[in-house]
Protein backbone atom coordinates (compact mmCIF):
# COMPACT_ATOMS: atom_id res chain seq x y z
CA MET A 1 16.87 3.73 -9.51
CA THR A 2 14.43 6.08 -7.82
CA ALA A 3 10.88 6.91 -8.80
CA LYS A 4 11.03 9.46 -11.62
CA LYS A 5 8.63 11.85 -13.25
CA ILE A 6 8.41 11.16 -16.96
CA GLY A 7 7.11 13.41 -19.71
CA LYS A 8 4.86 16.40 -19.52
CA ARG A 9 1.68 17.08 -17.66
CA PRO A 10 -1.03 15.91 -18.00
CA ALA A 11 0.03 12.30 -18.35
CA THR A 12 -2.17 9.85 -20.22
CA TYR A 13 -2.99 6.23 -19.54
CA GLU A 14 -1.46 5.37 -22.93
CA GLN A 15 1.88 6.76 -21.70
CA LEU A 16 1.60 4.62 -18.58
CA GLU A 17 0.88 1.49 -20.65
CA ALA A 18 3.90 2.22 -22.88
CA LEU A 19 6.37 1.98 -19.98
CA PRO A 20 8.75 -0.99 -20.02
CA GLU A 21 7.40 -4.03 -18.19
CA HIS A 22 10.07 -3.85 -15.47
CA LEU A 23 8.70 -0.49 -14.24
CA ILE A 24 5.59 0.30 -12.22
CA GLY A 25 3.76 3.27 -13.67
CA GLU A 26 1.48 5.63 -11.78
CA ILE A 27 -0.22 8.89 -12.66
CA VAL A 28 0.05 11.13 -9.62
CA GLU A 29 -1.47 14.61 -9.72
CA GLY A 30 -1.30 14.60 -13.52
CA GLU A 31 2.33 13.44 -13.72
CA LEU A 32 3.56 10.06 -14.91
CA TRP A 33 5.86 8.38 -12.40
CA ALA A 34 7.91 5.28 -13.13
CA SER A 35 9.35 3.21 -10.30
CA PRO A 36 11.49 0.10 -10.33
CA ARG A 37 9.95 -3.21 -9.31
CA PRO A 38 10.32 -3.74 -5.56
CA GLY A 39 13.54 -5.26 -4.25
CA ASN A 40 13.51 -8.59 -2.43
CA ARG A 41 13.29 -7.11 1.08
CA HIS A 42 10.33 -4.96 0.07
CA ALA A 43 8.56 -7.83 -1.72
CA MET A 44 9.09 -10.27 1.15
CA VAL A 45 7.71 -7.84 3.74
CA SER A 46 4.68 -7.04 1.58
CA SER A 47 4.02 -10.74 0.95
CA ALA A 48 4.39 -11.56 4.65
CA LEU A 49 1.85 -8.90 5.63
CA GLY A 50 -0.58 -9.98 2.92
CA GLY A 51 -0.27 -13.57 4.14
CA GLU A 52 -0.98 -12.53 7.73
CA LEU A 53 -4.12 -10.63 6.74
CA TYR A 54 -5.54 -12.99 4.10
CA GLY A 55 -6.65 -15.87 6.34
CA PRO A 56 -8.37 -13.95 9.13
CA PHE A 57 -9.76 -11.07 7.10
CA GLN A 58 -10.43 -12.35 3.58
CA ILE A 59 -11.50 -15.93 4.19
CA GLY A 60 -12.43 -15.66 7.87
CA ARG A 61 -9.99 -18.29 9.17
CA ASN A 62 -9.46 -17.45 12.86
CA GLY A 63 -10.77 -13.96 12.22
CA PRO A 64 -13.82 -11.94 11.26
CA GLY A 65 -13.53 -12.15 7.45
CA GLY A 66 -15.36 -9.46 5.52
CA TRP A 67 -12.45 -8.06 3.47
CA TRP A 68 -10.82 -8.39 0.06
CA ILE A 69 -7.01 -8.13 0.42
CA VAL A 70 -5.22 -7.50 -2.90
CA ASP A 71 -1.50 -7.28 -3.82
CA GLU A 72 -0.48 -4.31 -5.98
CA PRO A 73 -3.93 -3.39 -7.29
CA GLU A 74 -4.17 -0.66 -9.91
CA LEU A 75 -6.44 2.05 -8.50
CA HIS A 76 -8.15 4.55 -10.78
CA LEU A 77 -9.05 7.40 -8.43
CA GLY A 78 -10.40 10.08 -10.72
CA SER A 79 -7.55 11.07 -13.04
CA ASP A 80 -4.94 9.49 -10.75
CA VAL A 81 -3.69 5.94 -11.22
CA LEU A 82 -1.99 4.55 -8.11
CA VAL A 83 -0.50 1.14 -7.29
CA PRO A 84 -0.16 0.57 -3.54
CA ASP A 85 1.66 -2.53 -2.32
CA LEU A 86 -1.50 -3.87 -0.67
CA ALA A 87 -5.08 -2.69 -0.47
CA GLY A 88 -8.24 -3.88 1.20
CA TRP A 89 -11.94 -3.34 0.63
CA ARG A 90 -14.64 -4.23 3.12
CA LYS A 91 -16.96 -6.70 1.41
CA GLU A 92 -19.92 -4.57 2.49
CA SER A 93 -18.64 -1.76 0.23
CA LEU A 94 -17.35 -4.09 -2.53
CA PRO A 95 -19.43 -7.30 -2.47
CA VAL A 96 -17.77 -8.64 -5.65
CA PRO A 97 -14.44 -7.42 -7.07
CA PRO A 98 -14.74 -6.01 -10.60
CA ASP A 99 -13.85 -8.17 -13.57
CA ALA A 100 -11.38 -5.56 -14.80
CA PRO A 101 -7.62 -4.95 -14.57
CA PHE A 102 -8.17 -2.06 -12.13
CA PHE A 103 -10.39 -0.82 -9.30
CA GLU A 104 -12.35 2.44 -9.45
CA LEU A 105 -13.82 2.18 -5.95
CA PRO A 106 -11.30 3.57 -3.45
CA PRO A 107 -10.12 0.94 -0.99
CA ASP A 108 -10.88 1.19 2.72
CA TRP A 109 -7.22 0.50 3.56
CA VAL A 110 -3.89 0.69 1.75
CA CYS A 111 -0.39 -0.26 2.74
CA GLU A 112 2.66 1.30 1.20
CA VAL A 113 5.89 -0.59 1.87
CA LEU A 114 8.50 2.14 1.81
CA SER A 115 11.63 1.84 -0.29
CA PRO A 116 14.33 4.49 -0.62
CA SER A 117 13.32 4.89 -4.28
CA THR A 118 9.61 5.59 -3.58
CA ALA A 119 9.29 6.74 0.05
CA ARG A 120 8.89 10.45 -0.71
CA LEU A 121 6.23 9.81 -3.36
CA ASP A 122 4.38 7.41 -1.01
CA ARG A 123 4.56 9.63 2.08
CA ILE A 124 3.63 12.94 0.49
CA ARG A 125 1.88 12.91 -2.86
CA LYS A 126 0.09 9.57 -2.66
CA ILE A 127 -1.08 10.21 0.92
CA ARG A 128 -2.76 13.42 -0.28
CA LEU A 129 -4.55 11.51 -3.02
CA TYR A 130 -5.66 8.71 -0.70
CA ALA A 131 -7.15 11.30 1.65
CA ARG A 132 -8.91 13.09 -1.22
CA ALA A 133 -10.31 9.78 -2.55
CA GLY A 134 -11.75 8.80 0.84
CA VAL A 135 -9.37 5.98 1.78
CA ARG A 136 -9.96 5.52 5.50
CA TYR A 137 -6.65 3.90 6.60
CA VAL A 138 -3.07 3.95 5.35
CA TRP A 139 -0.22 1.89 6.73
CA LEU A 140 3.36 2.93 6.02
CA LEU A 141 5.57 -0.10 6.51
CA ASP A 142 9.31 0.55 6.46
CA PRO A 143 11.44 -2.60 6.21
CA LEU A 144 14.74 -0.72 6.62
CA GLU A 145 13.61 1.13 9.74
CA ARG A 146 11.55 -1.90 10.82
CA SER A 147 8.56 0.27 11.61
CA LEU A 148 4.83 0.49 10.99
CA GLN A 149 2.99 3.80 11.05
CA VAL A 150 -0.82 3.66 11.09
CA LEU A 151 -2.84 6.58 9.70
CA ARG A 152 -6.60 7.15 9.87
CA SER A 153 -8.48 9.70 7.80
CA GLU A 154 -10.41 12.36 9.68
CA HIS A 155 -12.06 15.12 7.63
CA SER A 156 -9.94 14.29 4.54
CA ARG A 157 -6.67 14.46 6.51
CA PHE A 158 -4.63 11.62 7.91
CA LEU A 159 -3.85 11.43 11.61
CA ILE A 160 -1.21 9.13 13.04
CA VAL A 161 -3.08 6.69 15.29
CA GLY A 162 -0.33 4.15 15.88
CA GLY A 163 3.35 3.52 15.57
CA PHE A 164 5.18 0.24 16.10
CA GLU A 165 8.77 -0.86 15.60
CA GLU A 166 11.27 -3.69 15.62
CA SER A 167 9.84 -6.79 17.35
CA GLU A 168 6.74 -5.22 18.88
CA ARG A 169 3.40 -6.94 18.63
CA ALA A 170 0.88 -4.63 17.01
CA ARG A 171 -2.88 -4.33 17.01
CA ALA A 172 -3.43 -1.79 14.28
CA GLU A 173 -6.60 -0.25 12.86
CA PRO A 174 -8.55 -1.49 10.92
CA PHE A 175 -7.25 -5.00 11.62
CA GLU A 176 -6.92 -4.73 15.40
CA GLU A 177 -8.53 -8.16 15.92
CA LEU A 178 -5.19 -9.62 14.80
CA GLU A 179 -2.02 -9.22 16.82
CA LEU A 180 0.77 -8.80 14.27
CA ASP A 181 4.23 -10.02 15.20
CA LEU A 182 6.36 -7.41 13.44
CA GLU A 183 9.49 -9.53 13.79
CA ALA A 184 7.82 -12.14 11.56
CA LEU A 185 7.27 -9.48 8.87
CA TRP A 186 10.92 -8.42 8.79
CA GLY A 187 11.98 -12.03 8.30
CA PRO A 188 15.55 -13.30 8.19
CA MET A 189 17.01 -10.18 6.61
CA PRO A 190 19.59 -8.25 8.61
CA PRO A 191 18.63 -4.97 10.29
CA ARG A 192 19.65 -1.73 8.62
CA GLY A 193 23.37 -1.12 8.83
CA GLU A 194 24.20 -4.84 8.89
CA GLU A 195 23.52 -5.52 5.20
């Protein structure tokens, strides 16, 4: 199943809440989108990256700390409701996370793990909204292509500031203090074409 537009514009939060539990709902540019839950490869890569970042950046173990790293947060960015795979807020901009089921403050960093069912939505529409909301960094992590693309916002537009693939070791903004072993993110799953 691919991500699908549902209903008419403008979508409401009540329509999003009415979606079946097995779907992830987002309101993107006034349209309700429903996507399937991530597959195992997608979920394992997202979890591996979150695990790599949590120690050094959230709790300061062998790293600088100073961040909140959150899995699949619901972001309310104006009338848009987005759910990236991972997001991070610098603690200086968000000293205490809200006691609510969503965040209204745009994150400083998001990571979208690309799946065939959601890649177009992630790469085009959601990127526009992240730029408009003031998100400073976006990572596009593609488990099938085994690649990481790093984007930084400049004047409300994203520029590609890094690209890494396969088994490279990456130092990527804004977490360049950590050298990421990309091979460890891909895990034991076979490369594309060998599935």
